[in-house]
C-alpha atoms as a PDB file:
ATOM      1  CA  MET A   1     -78.712-116.252  75.992  1.00  0.00           C
ATOM      2  CA  MET A   2     -78.061-112.595  76.648  1.00  0.00           C
ATOM      3  CA  ALA A   3     -80.462-109.889  75.723  1.00  0.00           C
ATOM      4  CA  PRO A   4     -79.513-107.337  73.296  1.00  0.00           C
ATOM      5  CA  MET A   5     -77.710-104.353  74.779  1.00  0.00           C
ATOM      6  CA  SER A   6     -79.721-101.119  74.682  1.00  0.00           C
ATOM      7  CA  LEU A   7     -77.824 -98.115  73.224  1.00  0.00           C
ATOM      8  CA  ARG A   8     -78.615 -94.982  75.246  1.00  0.00           C
ATOM      9  CA  SER A   9     -78.398 -91.623  73.252  1.00  0.00           C
ATOM     10  CA  THR A  10     -76.327 -89.771  75.630  1.00  0.00           C
ATOM     11  CA  SER A  11     -75.729 -86.650  73.548  1.00  0.00           C
ATOM     12  CA  CYS A  12     -79.483 -86.087  73.191  1.00  0.00           C
ATOM     13  CA  GLY A  13     -80.326 -86.852  76.725  1.00  0.00           C
ATOM     14  CA  ALA A  14     -77.608 -84.355  77.866  1.00  0.00           C
ATOM     15  CA  SER A  15     -78.795 -81.468  75.588  1.00  0.00           C
ATOM     16  CA  CYS A  16     -82.397 -82.140  74.825  1.00  0.00           C
ATOM     17  CA  GLY A  17     -83.460 -83.572  78.554  1.00  0.00           C
ATOM     18  CA  SER A  18     -84.173 -86.967  77.102  1.00  0.00           C
ATOM     19  CA  ARG A  19     -85.525 -89.439  79.790  1.00  0.00           C
ATOM     20  CA  GLY A  20     -83.342 -92.205  78.546  1.00  0.00           C
ATOM     21  CA  ALA A  21     -85.229 -93.376  75.580  1.00  0.00           C
ATOM     22  CA  THR A  22     -83.322 -95.833  73.453  1.00  0.00           C
ATOM     23  CA  SER A  23     -82.803 -95.011  69.699  1.00  0.00           C
ATOM     24  CA  THR A  24     -80.596 -95.763  66.962  1.00  0.00           C
ATOM     25  CA  LEU A  25     -81.967 -92.845  64.927  1.00  0.00           C
ATOM     26  CA  PRO A  26     -80.381 -89.506  64.301  1.00  0.00           C
ATOM     27  CA  ALA A  27     -80.526 -86.911  67.087  1.00  0.00           C
ATOM     28  CA  PRO A  28     -83.876 -84.817  67.067  1.00  0.00           C
ATOM     29  CA  ALA A  29     -83.816 -81.627  65.127  1.00  0.00           C
ATOM     30  CA  ALA A  30     -83.983 -79.516  68.293  1.00  0.00           C
ATOM     31  CA  CYS A  31     -80.494 -80.872  69.168  1.00  0.00           C
ATOM     32  CA  LEU A  32     -79.078 -78.966  66.069  1.00  0.00           C
ATOM     33  CA  ALA A  33     -79.342 -75.931  67.853  1.00  0.00           C
ATOM     34  CA  ALA A  34     -76.620 -76.802  70.200  1.00  0.00           C
ATOM     35  CA  PRO A  35     -73.373 -74.982  69.636  1.00  0.00           C
ATOM     36  CA  SER A  36     -71.359 -76.542  66.849  1.00  0.00           C
ATOM     37  CA  THR A  37     -68.015 -78.251  67.646  1.00  0.00           C
ATOM     38  CA  SER A  38     -66.817 -78.381  64.223  1.00  0.00           C
ATOM     39  CA  GLY A  39     -66.412 -74.876  63.604  1.00  0.00           C
ATOM     40  CA  ARG A  40     -69.708 -74.221  61.630  1.00  0.00           C
ATOM     41  CA  PRO A  41     -72.238 -72.067  63.217  1.00  0.00           C
ATOM     42  CA  ALA A  42     -75.448 -73.691  64.210  1.00  0.00           C
ATOM     43  CA  ALA A  43     -78.620 -72.681  62.870  1.00  0.00           C
ATOM     44  CA  GLY A  44     -79.382 -70.254  65.476  1.00  0.00           C
ATOM     45  CA  GLN A  45     -76.106 -68.628  64.966  1.00  0.00           C
ATOM     46  CA  GLU A  46     -76.527 -68.550  61.342  1.00  0.00           C
ATOM     47  CA  CYS A  47     -79.833 -66.570  61.735  1.00  0.00           C
ATOM     48  CA  SER A  48     -78.281 -64.060  64.030  1.00  0.00           C
ATOM     49  CA  ALA A  49     -75.460 -63.523  61.531  1.00  0.00           C
ATOM     50  CA  VAL A  50     -77.884 -63.068  58.689  1.00  0.00           C
ATOM     51  CA  ARG A  51     -79.853 -60.608  60.568  1.00  0.00           C
ATOM     52  CA  GLY A  52     -76.664 -58.597  61.257  1.00  0.00           C
ATOM     53  CA  HIS A  53     -75.702 -58.533  57.767  1.00  0.00           C
ATOM     54  CA  GLY A  54     -79.205 -57.181  56.693  1.00  0.00           C
ATOM     55  CA  CYS A  55     -79.107 -54.590  59.319  1.00  0.00           C
ATOM     56  CA  TRP A  56     -75.394 -53.562  58.050  1.00  0.00           C
ATOM     57  CA  ASN A  57     -76.924 -53.371  54.399  1.00  0.00           C
ATOM     58  CA  SER A  58     -79.868 -51.201  55.738  1.00  0.00           C
ATOM     59  CA  ARG A  59     -77.527 -48.733  57.514  1.00  0.00           C
ATOM     60  CA  ARG A  60     -75.448 -48.501  54.345  1.00  0.00           C
ATOM     61  CA  ALA A  61     -78.723 -47.834  52.012  1.00  0.00           C
ATOM     62  CA  VAL A  62     -79.862 -45.048  54.562  1.00  0.00           C
ATOM     63  CA  ALA A  63     -76.521 -43.496  54.576  1.00  0.00           C
ATOM     64  CA  MET A  64     -76.066 -43.740  50.809  1.00  0.00           C
ATOM     65  CA  GLN A  65     -79.614 -42.156  50.411  1.00  0.00           C
ATOM     66  CA  ALA A  66     -78.766 -39.339  52.934  1.00  0.00           C
ATOM     67  CA  ALA A  67     -75.566 -38.635  50.780  1.00  0.00           C
ATOM     68  CA  GLY A  68     -77.521 -38.575  47.641  1.00  0.00           C
ATOM     69  CA  ARG A  69     -79.975 -36.177  49.209  1.00  0.00           C
ATOM     70  CA  ARG A  70     -77.087 -33.877  50.300  1.00  0.00           C
ATOM     71  CA  ALA A  71     -75.750 -34.051  46.603  1.00  0.00           C
ATOM     72  CA  ALA A  72     -78.905 -33.189  45.149  1.00  0.00           C
ATOM     73  CA  SER A  73     -79.392 -30.320  47.845  1.00  0.00           C
ATOM     74  CA  SER A  74     -76.062 -28.945  46.779  1.00  0.00           C
ATOM     75  CA  VAL A  75     -76.743 -28.997  42.973  1.00  0.00           C
ATOM     76  CA  SER A  76     -80.175 -27.597  43.530  1.00  0.00           C
ATOM     77  CA  SER A  77     -78.722 -24.827  45.676  1.00  0.00           C
ATOM     78  CA  SER A  78     -76.195 -23.876  42.987  1.00  0.00           C
ATOM     79  CA  LEU A  79     -78.939 -23.906  40.307  1.00  0.00           C
ATOM     80  CA  ILE A  80     -81.058 -21.456  42.521  1.00  0.00           C
ATOM     81  CA  ALA A  81     -78.255 -19.230  43.170  1.00  0.00           C
ATOM     82  CA  VAL A  82     -77.435 -18.879  39.514  1.00  0.00           C
ATOM     83  CA  LEU A  83     -81.469 -18.263  38.683  1.00  0.00           C
ATOM     84  CA  LYS A  84     -81.394 -15.467  41.294  1.00  0.00           C
ATOM     85  CA  ASP A  85     -78.169 -13.932  39.925  1.00  0.00           C
ATOM     86  CA  GLU A  86     -79.921 -14.055  36.254  1.00  0.00           C
ATOM     87  CA  ILE A  87     -83.160 -12.626  37.351  1.00  0.00           C
ATOM     88  CA  LYS A  88     -81.380  -9.708  39.272  1.00  0.00           C
ATOM     89  CA  TYR A  89     -79.077  -9.003  36.340  1.00  0.00           C
ATOM     90  CA  GLU A  90     -82.215  -8.872  33.783  1.00  0.00           C
ATOM     91  CA  ARG A  91     -84.128  -6.844  36.145  1.00  0.00           C
ATOM     92  CA  GLU A  92     -81.367  -4.195  36.710  1.00  0.00           C
ATOM     93  CA  ALA A  93     -80.534  -4.223  32.944  1.00  0.00           C
ATOM     94  CA  TYR A  94     -84.198  -3.832  31.870  1.00  0.00           C
ATOM     95  CA  ARG A  95     -85.045  -0.602  30.402  1.00  0.00           C
ATOM     96  CA  ARG A  96     -88.471   0.027  28.742  1.00  0.00           C
ATOM     97  CA  GLY A  97     -88.363   2.017  25.327  1.00  0.00           C
ATOM     98  CA  GLU A  98     -89.859   5.357  25.244  1.00  0.00           C
ATOM     99  CA  LEU A  99     -91.729   4.653  22.275  1.00  0.00           C
ATOM    100  CA  LEU A 100     -93.571   2.147  24.305  1.00  0.00           C
ATOM    101  CA  THR A 101     -95.024   4.757  26.755  1.00  0.00           C
ATOM    102  CA  GLU A 102     -97.412   5.881  24.008  1.00  0.00           C
ATOM    103  CA  PRO A 103    -100.333   3.859  22.307  1.00  0.00           C
ATOM    104  CA  PRO A 104     -99.525   2.099  19.067  1.00  0.00           C
ATOM    105  CA  PRO A 105     -99.396   4.268  16.095  1.00  0.00           C
ATOM    106  CA  GLY A 106    -102.045   4.525  13.346  1.00  0.00           C
ATOM    107  CA  ASP A 107    -104.962   3.831  15.878  1.00  0.00           C
ATOM    108  CA  PHE A 108    -103.884   0.203  16.098  1.00  0.00           C
ATOM    109  CA  GLU A 109    -105.219  -1.687  19.369  1.00  0.00           C
ATOM    110  CA  LEU A 110    -102.718  -3.869  21.061  1.00  0.00           C
ATOM    111  CA  GLN A 111    -103.497  -7.306  22.385  1.00  0.00           C
ATOM    112  CA  ASP A 112    -101.048  -9.220  24.487  1.00  0.00           C
ATOM    113  CA  GLU A 113    -100.898 -11.589  27.242  1.00  0.00           C
ATOM    114  CA  ARG A 114     -98.316 -12.586  29.649  1.00  0.00           C
ATOM    115  CA  GLY A 115     -96.878 -16.066  29.148  1.00  0.00           C
ATOM    116  CA  THR A 116     -97.416 -16.151  25.466  1.00  0.00           C
ATOM    117  CA  SER A 117     -95.045 -15.775  22.454  1.00  0.00           C
ATOM    118  CA  ALA A 118     -97.103 -13.523  20.232  1.00  0.00           C
ATOM    119  CA  PHE A 119     -99.095 -10.259  20.351  1.00  0.00           C
ATOM    120  CA  VAL A 120    -101.685  -8.783  17.893  1.00  0.00           C
ATOM    121  CA  LEU A 121    -102.177  -5.155  16.651  1.00  0.00           C
ATOM    122  CA  SER A 122    -105.670  -4.595  14.959  1.00  0.00           C
ATOM    123  CA  LYS A 123    -108.005  -2.037  13.830  1.00  0.00           C
ATOM    124  CA  ARG A 124    -110.674  -1.106  11.296  1.00  0.00           C
ATOM    125  CA  PHE A 125    -110.137   0.792   8.139  1.00  0.00           C
ATOM    126  CA  GLY A 126    -113.479   1.583   6.500  1.00  0.00           C
ATOM    127  CA  ASP A 127    -115.171  -1.778   6.080  1.00  0.00           C
ATOM    128  CA  GLU A 128    -111.732  -3.627   6.230  1.00  0.00           C
ATOM    129  CA  GLU A 129    -110.308  -5.350   9.176  1.00  0.00           C
ATOM    130  CA  ILE A 130    -106.430  -5.149   9.699  1.00  0.00           C
ATOM    131  CA  ILE A 131    -104.680  -7.492  11.978  1.00  0.00           C
ATOM    132  CA  VAL A 132    -100.788  -7.635  12.586  1.00  0.00           C
ATOM    133  CA  ARG A 133     -99.713 -10.834  14.185  1.00  0.00           C
ATOM    134  CA  VAL A 134     -96.191 -10.966  15.582  1.00  0.00           C
ATOM    135  CA  ASN A 135     -94.321 -14.024  17.079  1.00  0.00           C
ATOM    136  CA  VAL A 136     -91.261 -13.146  19.082  1.00  0.00           C
ATOM    137  CA  ASN A 137     -89.980 -16.773  18.940  1.00  0.00           C
ATOM    138  CA  ASP A 138     -90.128 -16.795  15.010  1.00  0.00           C
ATOM    139  CA  GLN A 139     -87.724 -14.096  14.237  1.00  0.00           C
ATOM    140  CA  PRO A 140     -84.638 -14.168  11.918  1.00  0.00           C
ATOM    141  CA  GLU A 141     -81.365 -14.553  13.510  1.00  0.00           C
ATOM    142  CA  VAL A 142     -78.617 -12.106  12.692  1.00  0.00           C
ATOM    143  CA  GLU A 143     -75.971 -13.827  11.042  1.00  0.00           C
ATOM    144  CA  GLU A 144     -72.216 -13.721  12.528  1.00  0.00           C
ATOM    145  CA  GLY A 145     -70.896 -12.038   9.526  1.00  0.00           C
ATOM    146  CA  ASP A 146     -73.562  -9.354   9.678  1.00  0.00           C
ATOM    147  CA  GLU A 147     -72.822  -8.739  13.244  1.00  0.00           C
ATOM    148  CA  ASP A 148     -69.156  -8.304  12.609  1.00  0.00           C
ATOM    149  CA  GLU A 149     -69.819  -6.163   9.773  1.00  0.00           C
ATOM    150  CA  ALA A 150     -72.068  -3.876  11.828  1.00  0.00           C
ATOM    151  CA  ASP A 151     -69.222  -3.744  14.598  1.00  0.00           C
ATOM    152  CA  ASP A 152     -66.727  -2.726  12.116  1.00  0.00           C
ATOM    153  CA  GLU A 153     -68.848   0.032  10.536  1.00  0.00           C
ATOM    154  CA  TYR A 154     -70.348   1.743  13.628  1.00  0.00           C
ATOM    155  CA  GLY A 155     -67.905   0.667  16.212  1.00  0.00           C
ATOM    156  CA  GLU A 156     -70.523  -1.196  18.349  1.00  0.00           C
ATOM    157  CA  ASP A 157     -72.829  -4.070  18.528  1.00  0.00           C
ATOM    158  CA  ASP A 158     -75.830  -3.188  16.018  1.00  0.00           C
ATOM    159  CA  ALA A 159     -77.790  -6.330  16.752  1.00  0.00           C
ATOM    160  CA  GLY A 160     -80.526  -4.322  18.450  1.00  0.00           C
ATOM    161  CA  ASP A 161     -81.436  -3.023  14.985  1.00  0.00           C
ATOM    162  CA  ALA A 162     -82.248  -6.337  13.552  1.00  0.00           C
ATOM    163  CA  PRO A 163     -85.341  -6.350  11.400  1.00  0.00           C
ATOM    164  CA  VAL A 164     -88.481  -7.756  12.821  1.00  0.00           C
ATOM    165  CA  GLU A 165     -90.827 -10.006  10.844  1.00  0.00           C
ATOM    166  CA  PHE A 166     -94.703  -9.870  11.169  1.00  0.00           C
ATOM    167  CA  GLN A 167     -97.827 -10.888   9.153  1.00  0.00           C
ATOM    168  CA  VAL A 168    -100.502  -8.407   8.034  1.00  0.00           C
ATOM    169  CA  SER A 169    -103.942  -9.659   7.053  1.00  0.00           C
ATOM    170  CA  ILE A 170    -106.464  -7.493   5.408  1.00  0.00           C
ATOM    171  CA  GLY A 171    -110.023  -8.574   4.521  1.00  0.00           C
ATOM    172  CA  LYS A 172    -113.554  -7.767   4.469  1.00  0.00           C
ATOM    173  CA  ASP A 173    -116.401  -9.682   6.027  1.00  0.00           C
ATOM    174  CA  GLY A 174    -117.041 -12.636   4.048  1.00  0.00           C
ATOM    175  CA  ASP A 175    -114.349 -12.030   1.365  1.00  0.00           C
ATOM    176  CA  ASP A 176    -110.988 -13.457   0.709  1.00  0.00           C
ATOM    177  CA  VAL A 177    -108.232 -12.146   2.913  1.00  0.00           C
ATOM    178  CA  LEU A 178    -104.807 -10.733   1.667  1.00  0.00           C
ATOM    179  CA  ILE A 179    -101.956 -12.072   3.572  1.00  0.00           C
ATOM    180  CA  PHE A 180     -98.701 -10.190   3.651  1.00  0.00           C
ATOM    181  CA  GLU A 181     -95.531 -11.447   5.159  1.00  0.00           C
ATOM    182  CA  CYS A 182     -93.492  -8.350   6.088  1.00  0.00           C
ATOM    183  CA  GLU A 183     -90.356  -6.983   7.718  1.00  0.00           C
ATOM    184  CA  SER A 184     -88.990  -3.793   9.026  1.00  0.00           C
ATOM    185  CA  ASP A 185     -86.024  -2.341  10.859  1.00  0.00           C
ATOM    186  CA  GLY A 186     -87.762   0.902  11.761  1.00  0.00           C
ATOM    187  CA  GLU A 187     -86.491   2.749   8.468  1.00  0.00           C
ATOM    188  CA  TYR A 188     -88.377   0.680   5.889  1.00  0.00           C
ATOM    189  CA  ILE A 189     -91.010  -1.729   5.464  1.00  0.00           C
ATOM    190  CA  ASN A 190     -90.445  -4.700   2.996  1.00  0.00           C
ATOM    191  CA  ILE A 191     -92.889  -7.338   1.807  1.00  0.00           C
ATOM    192  CA  ASN A 192     -91.297 -10.660   1.619  1.00  0.00           C
ATOM    193  CA  ASN A 193     -94.569 -12.479   0.351  1.00  0.00           C
ATOM    194  CA  ILE A 194     -98.195 -11.926  -0.639  1.00  0.00           C
ATOM    195  CA  SER A 195    -100.853 -14.534  -0.798  1.00  0.00           C
ATOM    196  CA  LEU A 196    -104.723 -14.690  -1.001  1.00  0.00           C
ATOM    197  CA  GLU A 197    -106.670 -16.931   1.217  1.00  0.00           C
ATOM    198  CA  SER A 198    -110.202 -17.909   1.142  1.00  0.00           C
ATOM    199  CA  MET A 199    -112.504 -17.544   3.922  1.00  0.00           C
ATOM    200  CA  GLU A 200    -114.762 -20.332   2.767  1.00  0.00           C
ATOM    201  CA  VAL A 201    -114.071 -23.741   4.464  1.00  0.00           C
ATOM    202  CA  ASP A 202    -114.133 -26.773   2.174  1.00  0.00           C
ATOM    203  CA  ASP A 203    -115.110 -29.928   3.760  1.00  0.00           C
ATOM    204  CA  GLU A 204    -113.882 -32.075   0.626  1.00  0.00           C
ATOM    205  CA  PRO A 205    -110.027 -32.427   0.506  1.00  0.00           C
ATOM    206  CA  GLY A 206    -108.678 -31.488  -2.858  1.00  0.00           C
ATOM    207  CA  PRO A 207    -105.663 -29.939  -4.717  1.00  0.00           C
ATOM    208  CA  PRO A 208    -104.206 -26.901  -2.856  1.00  0.00           C
ATOM    209  CA  ALA A 209    -105.228 -23.490  -4.150  1.00  0.00           C
ATOM    210  CA  TYR A 210    -103.190 -21.074  -6.086  1.00  0.00           C
ATOM    211  CA  GLN A 211    -102.348 -18.340  -3.472  1.00  0.00           C
ATOM    212  CA  GLY A 212    -100.145 -16.089  -5.554  1.00  0.00           C
ATOM    213  CA  PRO A 213     -96.766 -15.679  -7.025  1.00  0.00           C
ATOM    214  CA  ILE A 214     -93.434 -15.031  -5.683  1.00  0.00           C
ATOM    215  CA  PHE A 215     -93.376 -11.444  -4.450  1.00  0.00           C
ATOM    216  CA  GLN A 216     -89.965 -10.638  -5.812  1.00  0.00           C
ATOM    217  CA  ASP A 217     -90.956 -11.903  -9.321  1.00  0.00           C
ATOM    218  CA  LEU A 218     -93.745  -9.064  -9.669  1.00  0.00           C
ATOM    219  CA  ASP A 219     -93.081  -6.091 -11.667  1.00  0.00           C
ATOM    220  CA  ASP A 220     -91.362  -3.310  -9.562  1.00  0.00           C
ATOM    221  CA  THR A 221     -94.114  -0.997 -10.057  1.00  0.00           C
ATOM    222  CA  LEU A 222     -96.746  -3.473  -8.758  1.00  0.00           C
ATOM    223  CA  GLN A 223     -94.516  -4.323  -5.734  1.00  0.00           C
ATOM    224  CA  GLN A 224     -94.179  -0.699  -4.793  1.00  0.00           C
ATOM    225  CA  ALA A 225     -97.955  -0.214  -5.211  1.00  0.00           C
ATOM    226  CA  PHE A 226     -98.730  -2.947  -2.662  1.00  0.00           C
ATOM    227  CA  VAL A 227     -96.229  -1.214  -0.323  1.00  0.00           C
ATOM    228  CA  ASP A 228     -98.253   2.039  -0.958  1.00  0.00           C
ATOM    229  CA  PHE A 229    -101.469   0.020  -0.177  1.00  0.00           C
ATOM    230  CA  LEU A 230    -100.244  -0.946   3.132  1.00  0.00           C
ATOM    231  CA  GLU A 231     -98.840   2.355   4.129  1.00  0.00           C
ATOM    232  CA  GLU A 232    -102.144   4.087   3.375  1.00  0.00           C
ATOM    233  CA  ARG A 233    -103.579   1.680   6.129  1.00  0.00           C
ATOM    234  CA  GLY A 234    -100.948   2.784   8.670  1.00  0.00           C
ATOM    235  CA  VAL A 235     -98.755  -0.300   8.183  1.00  0.00           C
ATOM    236  CA  ASN A 236     -95.531   1.776   7.675  1.00  0.00           C
ATOM    237  CA  ALA A 237     -92.140   2.113   8.817  1.00  0.00           C
ATOM    238  CA  TYR A 238     -93.070   3.804  12.195  1.00  0.00           C
ATOM    239  CA  LEU A 239     -95.442   1.070  12.987  1.00  0.00           C
ATOM    240  CA  GLY A 240     -92.527  -1.393  11.993  1.00  0.00           C
ATOM    241  CA  GLU A 241     -90.219   0.507  14.581  1.00  0.00           C
ATOM    242  CA  TYR A 242     -92.891   0.136  17.124  1.00  0.00           C
ATOM    243  CA  ILE A 243     -93.331  -3.554  16.545  1.00  0.00           C
ATOM    244  CA  ARG A 244     -89.637  -4.110  16.576  1.00  0.00           C
ATOM    245  CA  ILE A 245     -89.182  -2.377  19.991  1.00  0.00           C
ATOM    246  CA  TYR A 246     -92.052  -3.883  21.432  1.00  0.00           C
ATOM    247  CA  ALA A 247     -91.035  -7.412  20.410  1.00  0.00           C
ATOM    248  CA  GLN A 248     -87.700  -6.930  22.046  1.00  0.00           C
ATOM    249  CA  ASP A 249     -89.552  -5.783  25.190  1.00  0.00           C
ATOM    250  CA  LYS A 250     -91.771  -8.568  25.207  1.00  0.00           C
ATOM    251  CA  ALA A 251     -89.134 -11.175  24.633  1.00  0.00           C
ATOM    252  CA  THR A 252     -87.131  -9.701  27.572  1.00  0.00           C
ATOM    253  CA  LEU A 253     -90.035  -9.626  30.069  1.00  0.00           C
ATOM    254  CA  GLU A 254     -91.055 -13.086  28.959  1.00  0.00           C
ATOM    255  CA  TYR A 255     -87.701 -14.348  29.702  1.00  0.00           C
ATOM    256  CA  GLN A 256     -87.691 -12.858  33.226  1.00  0.00           C
ATOM    257  CA  HIS A 257     -91.149 -14.346  33.925  1.00  0.00           C
ATOM    258  CA  TRP A 258     -89.939 -17.710  32.526  1.00  0.00           C
ATOM    259  CA  LEU A 259     -86.829 -17.696  35.024  1.00  0.00           C
ATOM    260  CA  GLY A 260     -89.197 -16.991  37.872  1.00  0.00           C
ATOM    261  CA  ARG A 261     -91.341 -19.840  37.113  1.00  0.00           C
ATOM    262  CA  VAL A 262     -88.297 -22.118  36.748  1.00  0.00           C
ATOM    263  CA  LEU A 263     -86.977 -20.820  39.997  1.00  0.00           C
ATOM    264  CA  ARG A 264     -90.269 -21.695  41.627  1.00  0.00           C
ATOM    265  CA  VAL A 265     -90.152 -25.202  40.167  1.00  0.00           C
ATOM    266  CA  VAL A 266     -86.750 -25.851  41.244  1.00  0.00           C
ATOM    267  CA  ARG A 267     -87.583 -24.641  44.941  1.00  0.00           C
ATOM    268  CA  GLY A 268     -90.575 -26.583  44.952  1.00  0.00           C
ATOM    269  CA  SER A 269     -88.757 -29.929  43.986  1.00  0.00           C
ATOM    270  CA  GLY A 270     -86.977 -30.218  47.400  1.00  0.00           C
ATOM    271  CA  GLY A 271     -84.232 -27.635  46.862  1.00  0.00           C
ATOM    272  CA  PRO A 272     -83.584 -25.492  49.951  1.00  0.00           C
ATOM    273  CA  GLY A 273     -86.192 -22.768  50.662  1.00  0.00           C
ATOM    274  CA  GLY A 274     -88.823 -24.761  48.599  1.00  0.00           C
ATOM    275  CA  GLY A 275     -92.078 -23.350  47.853  1.00  0.00           C
ATOM    276  CA  GLY A 276     -91.180 -19.712  47.444  1.00  0.00           C
ATOM    277  CA  LEU A 277     -90.746 -17.387  44.396  1.00  0.00           C
ATOM    278  CA  LEU A 278     -88.016 -14.599  44.137  1.00  0.00           C
ATOM    279  CA  GLY A 279     -89.787 -11.502  45.191  1.00  0.00           C
ATOM    280  CA  ALA A 280     -90.473  -8.817  42.741  1.00  0.00           C
END
C-alpha cells in the first residue's frame, strides 16, 4: 500500500524561505507582503499609498493656511490704511475753540479724564454745592428736517449750533438736592425738568418718592423764577456756550483717541507692522 503523497508548499518556500515543510494550511501572513498578481496592492503597498495621501492632505492644509494668512494680512493692511487716513484727517481738521483757551466761566472748576464720555463742572456758592454733569454720548440728535431748514435759512450747515443737554444739582450738606435737567445752545438756557432727591438712603424698599411735577406744567412765573435761580449761581447761557463747545471738543478728541487704540489693536493682532501706534 502506497504512503500518502506529501504536498509541498512551493509558493511559501519560494517567497518565505521555507525549508520544505509540508502543510495543507494557507500561506503564512508574511507571504501576503509579496507583490500581488491580482491587481490589488499588497499590504505594504497600501500603507505606502495611504502615507502618500496623508502627506498630500498635509501639504494642502499648509497651503490653505498660508493662503488664509495672506488674505487676513491683506484685510488687516486695508483696515490699517483706512484708520491712518481717518486719524490724519481728524488731526488736520481739528481746531480748538477760542473759548476753551480760558478757564470755565462763573468760577467753575473743570474735571475731565481722557477715555471717558463725561465731564464735570463744580463750585461752591455760599453753603451750596453746585455740580454740572455732561455726557457727550447722551446728547440729542439734530433731526434731518431741522438740518435742512437750517441749511435753507443760513445757506450752510448749522448742525454745530445744536443744543447741549446737561444736569445741574444744587444742594447743601445733609439736605435734599435739587436736580435740573437743562439744555442750551449758547444763547439761552432752558429747563426741561426739575426734581427733588433725598440724600437719605432707605434700606427698606418701598413705593417711589414723589420728585416733582412736569416742569412745563408749572406756572410761567414759577418757571422763570427757577431760571433766575440758576442764573444767579452762574448757570446761564454763557456757561451753556462753554459746555456746548467743550462737549464738541471732547467728543472729537475722544474719537481720535479711540481710533488710535483701535489701530494699536489691529496692528497687534497679526497685521503688518504689529505692535506700534501711529505717532502723534
